[in-house]
């Protein structure tokens, strides 16, 4: 029973690492695209005001 739990735990840890790296890269790309869109919108609004 304990060995099965150990295998499950090790699998969970491996999967967790994979998910962590995946979510990290996803959030990084999201933040990059968000910053890009934000700068574009900011420039647009600035041009509209001027």
N, C-alpha and C. Protein backbone atom coordinates (compact mmCIF):
# COMPACT_ATOMS: atom_id res chain seq x y z
N UNK A 1 0.83 -1.20 0.00
CA UNK A 1 0.00 0.00 0.00
C UNK A 1 0.87 1.25 0.00
N UNK A 2 1.90 1.26 0.84
CA UNK A 2 2.78 2.42 0.96
C UNK A 2 3.60 2.61 -0.33
N UNK A 3 3.95 1.48 -0.98
CA UNK A 3 4.74 1.56 -2.21
C UNK A 3 3.89 2.18 -3.32
N UNK A 4 2.62 1.83 -3.34
CA UNK A 4 1.70 2.36 -4.34
C UNK A 4 1.55 3.87 -4.15
N UNK A 5 1.47 4.27 -2.88
CA UNK A 5 1.35 5.68 -2.53
C UNK A 5 2.61 6.44 -2.94
N UNK A 6 3.75 5.76 -2.76
CA UNK A 6 5.04 6.36 -3.11
C UNK A 6 5.13 6.59 -4.61
N UNK A 7 4.70 5.60 -5.39
CA UNK A 7 4.71 5.71 -6.85
C UNK A 7 3.79 6.84 -7.30
N UNK A 8 2.61 6.89 -6.67
CA UNK A 8 1.63 7.91 -6.99
C UNK A 8 2.17 9.31 -6.67
N UNK A 9 2.87 9.39 -5.54
CA UNK A 9 3.43 10.66 -5.09
C UNK A 9 4.54 11.14 -6.02
N UNK A 10 5.39 10.19 -6.45
CA UNK A 10 6.50 10.53 -7.35
C UNK A 10 5.96 10.98 -8.71
N UNK A 11 4.87 10.31 -9.15
CA UNK A 11 4.23 10.67 -10.41
C UNK A 11 3.62 12.06 -10.30
N UNK A 12 3.01 12.32 -9.16
CA UNK A 12 2.38 13.61 -8.90
C UNK A 12 3.42 14.72 -8.89
N UNK A 13 4.58 14.42 -8.30
CA UNK A 13 5.67 15.40 -8.23
C UNK A 13 6.19 15.71 -9.63
N UNK A 14 6.36 14.66 -10.45
CA UNK A 14 6.85 14.84 -11.81
C UNK A 14 5.86 15.65 -12.63
N UNK A 15 4.58 15.28 -12.50
CA UNK A 15 3.52 15.97 -13.22
C UNK A 15 3.39 17.41 -12.74
N UNK A 16 3.60 17.59 -11.45
CA UNK A 16 3.53 18.92 -10.85
C UNK A 16 4.61 19.83 -11.40
N UNK A 17 5.81 19.28 -11.55
CA UNK A 17 6.94 20.05 -12.10
C UNK A 17 6.65 20.45 -13.54
N UNK A 18 6.07 19.50 -14.29
CA UNK A 18 5.75 19.75 -15.69
C UNK A 18 4.68 20.84 -15.81
N UNK A 19 3.66 20.73 -14.96
CA UNK A 19 2.58 21.71 -14.96
C UNK A 19 3.08 23.08 -14.53
N UNK A 20 4.01 23.07 -13.58
CA UNK A 20 4.56 24.32 -13.06
C UNK A 20 5.34 25.06 -14.15
N UNK A 21 6.17 24.32 -14.86
CA UNK A 21 6.97 24.93 -15.93
C UNK A 21 6.06 25.40 -17.07
N UNK A 22 4.99 24.61 -17.31
CA UNK A 22 4.05 24.95 -18.37
C UNK A 22 3.31 26.23 -18.04
N UNK A 23 2.81 26.30 -16.80
CA UNK A 23 2.06 27.48 -16.36
C UNK A 23 2.97 28.70 -16.27
N UNK A 24 4.25 28.44 -15.94
CA UNK A 24 5.21 29.53 -15.82
C UNK A 24 5.47 30.16 -17.19
N UNK A 25 5.68 29.31 -18.19
CA UNK A 25 5.93 29.81 -19.54
C UNK A 25 4.68 30.47 -20.12
N UNK A 26 3.51 29.92 -19.74
CA UNK A 26 2.25 30.46 -20.21
C UNK A 26 2.02 31.85 -19.64
N UNK A 27 2.26 31.99 -18.34
CA UNK A 27 2.07 33.27 -17.67
C UNK A 27 3.07 34.30 -18.19
N UNK A 28 4.27 33.82 -18.53
CA UNK A 28 5.31 34.70 -19.05
C UNK A 28 4.91 35.26 -20.41
N UNK A 29 4.41 34.38 -21.28
CA UNK A 29 3.98 34.81 -22.61
C UNK A 29 2.75 35.71 -22.51
N UNK A 30 1.88 35.41 -21.53
CA UNK A 30 0.68 36.21 -21.33
C UNK A 30 1.04 37.61 -20.88
N UNK A 31 1.97 37.69 -19.94
CA UNK A 31 2.40 38.98 -19.41
C UNK A 31 3.10 39.80 -20.49
N UNK A 32 3.84 39.11 -21.36
CA UNK A 32 4.54 39.79 -22.44
C UNK A 32 3.55 40.36 -23.44
N UNK A 33 2.55 39.56 -23.81
CA UNK A 33 1.54 40.01 -24.76
C UNK A 33 0.69 41.11 -24.14
N UNK A 34 0.44 41.00 -22.83
CA UNK A 34 -0.37 42.00 -22.12
C UNK A 34 0.35 43.34 -22.11
N UNK A 35 1.66 43.29 -21.86
CA UNK A 35 2.46 44.51 -21.82
C UNK A 35 2.50 45.15 -23.21
N UNK A 36 2.59 44.31 -24.24
CA UNK A 36 2.64 44.79 -25.61
C UNK A 36 1.33 45.48 -25.97
N UNK A 37 0.21 44.83 -25.62
CA UNK A 37 -1.11 45.38 -25.91
C UNK A 37 -1.34 46.66 -25.12
N UNK A 38 -0.85 46.66 -23.89
CA UNK A 38 -1.03 47.82 -23.02
C UNK A 38 -0.28 49.03 -23.57
N UNK A 39 0.93 48.80 -24.05
CA UNK A 39 1.74 49.90 -24.60
C UNK A 39 1.09 50.43 -25.87
N UNK A 40 0.51 49.52 -26.67
CA UNK A 40 -0.16 49.93 -27.90
C UNK A 40 -1.38 50.79 -27.59
N UNK A 41 -2.17 50.33 -26.60
CA UNK A 41 -3.37 51.05 -26.19
C UNK A 41 -3.01 52.41 -25.62
N UNK A 42 -1.91 52.43 -24.86
CA UNK A 42 -1.46 53.68 -24.24
C UNK A 42 -1.05 54.69 -25.31
N UNK A 43 -0.35 54.20 -26.32
CA UNK A 43 0.10 55.06 -27.41
C UNK A 43 -1.10 55.58 -28.18
N UNK A 44 -2.09 54.72 -28.36
CA UNK A 44 -3.30 55.06 -29.11
C UNK A 44 -4.08 56.16 -28.39
N UNK A 45 -4.27 55.98 -27.08
CA UNK A 45 -5.01 56.96 -26.28
C UNK A 45 -4.25 58.28 -26.23
N UNK A 46 -2.92 58.19 -26.19
CA UNK A 46 -2.09 59.38 -26.13
C UNK A 46 -2.22 60.18 -27.43
N UNK A 47 -2.28 59.43 -28.55
CA UNK A 47 -2.41 60.07 -29.86
C UNK A 47 -3.79 60.71 -29.98
N UNK A 48 -4.79 60.06 -29.42
CA UNK A 48 -6.16 60.56 -29.48
C UNK A 48 -6.27 61.87 -28.70
N UNK A 49 -5.58 61.95 -27.57
CA UNK A 49 -5.62 63.15 -26.73
C UNK A 49 -4.89 64.31 -27.40
N UNK A 50 -3.81 63.97 -28.12
CA UNK A 50 -2.97 65.01 -28.73
C UNK A 50 -3.58 65.56 -30.03
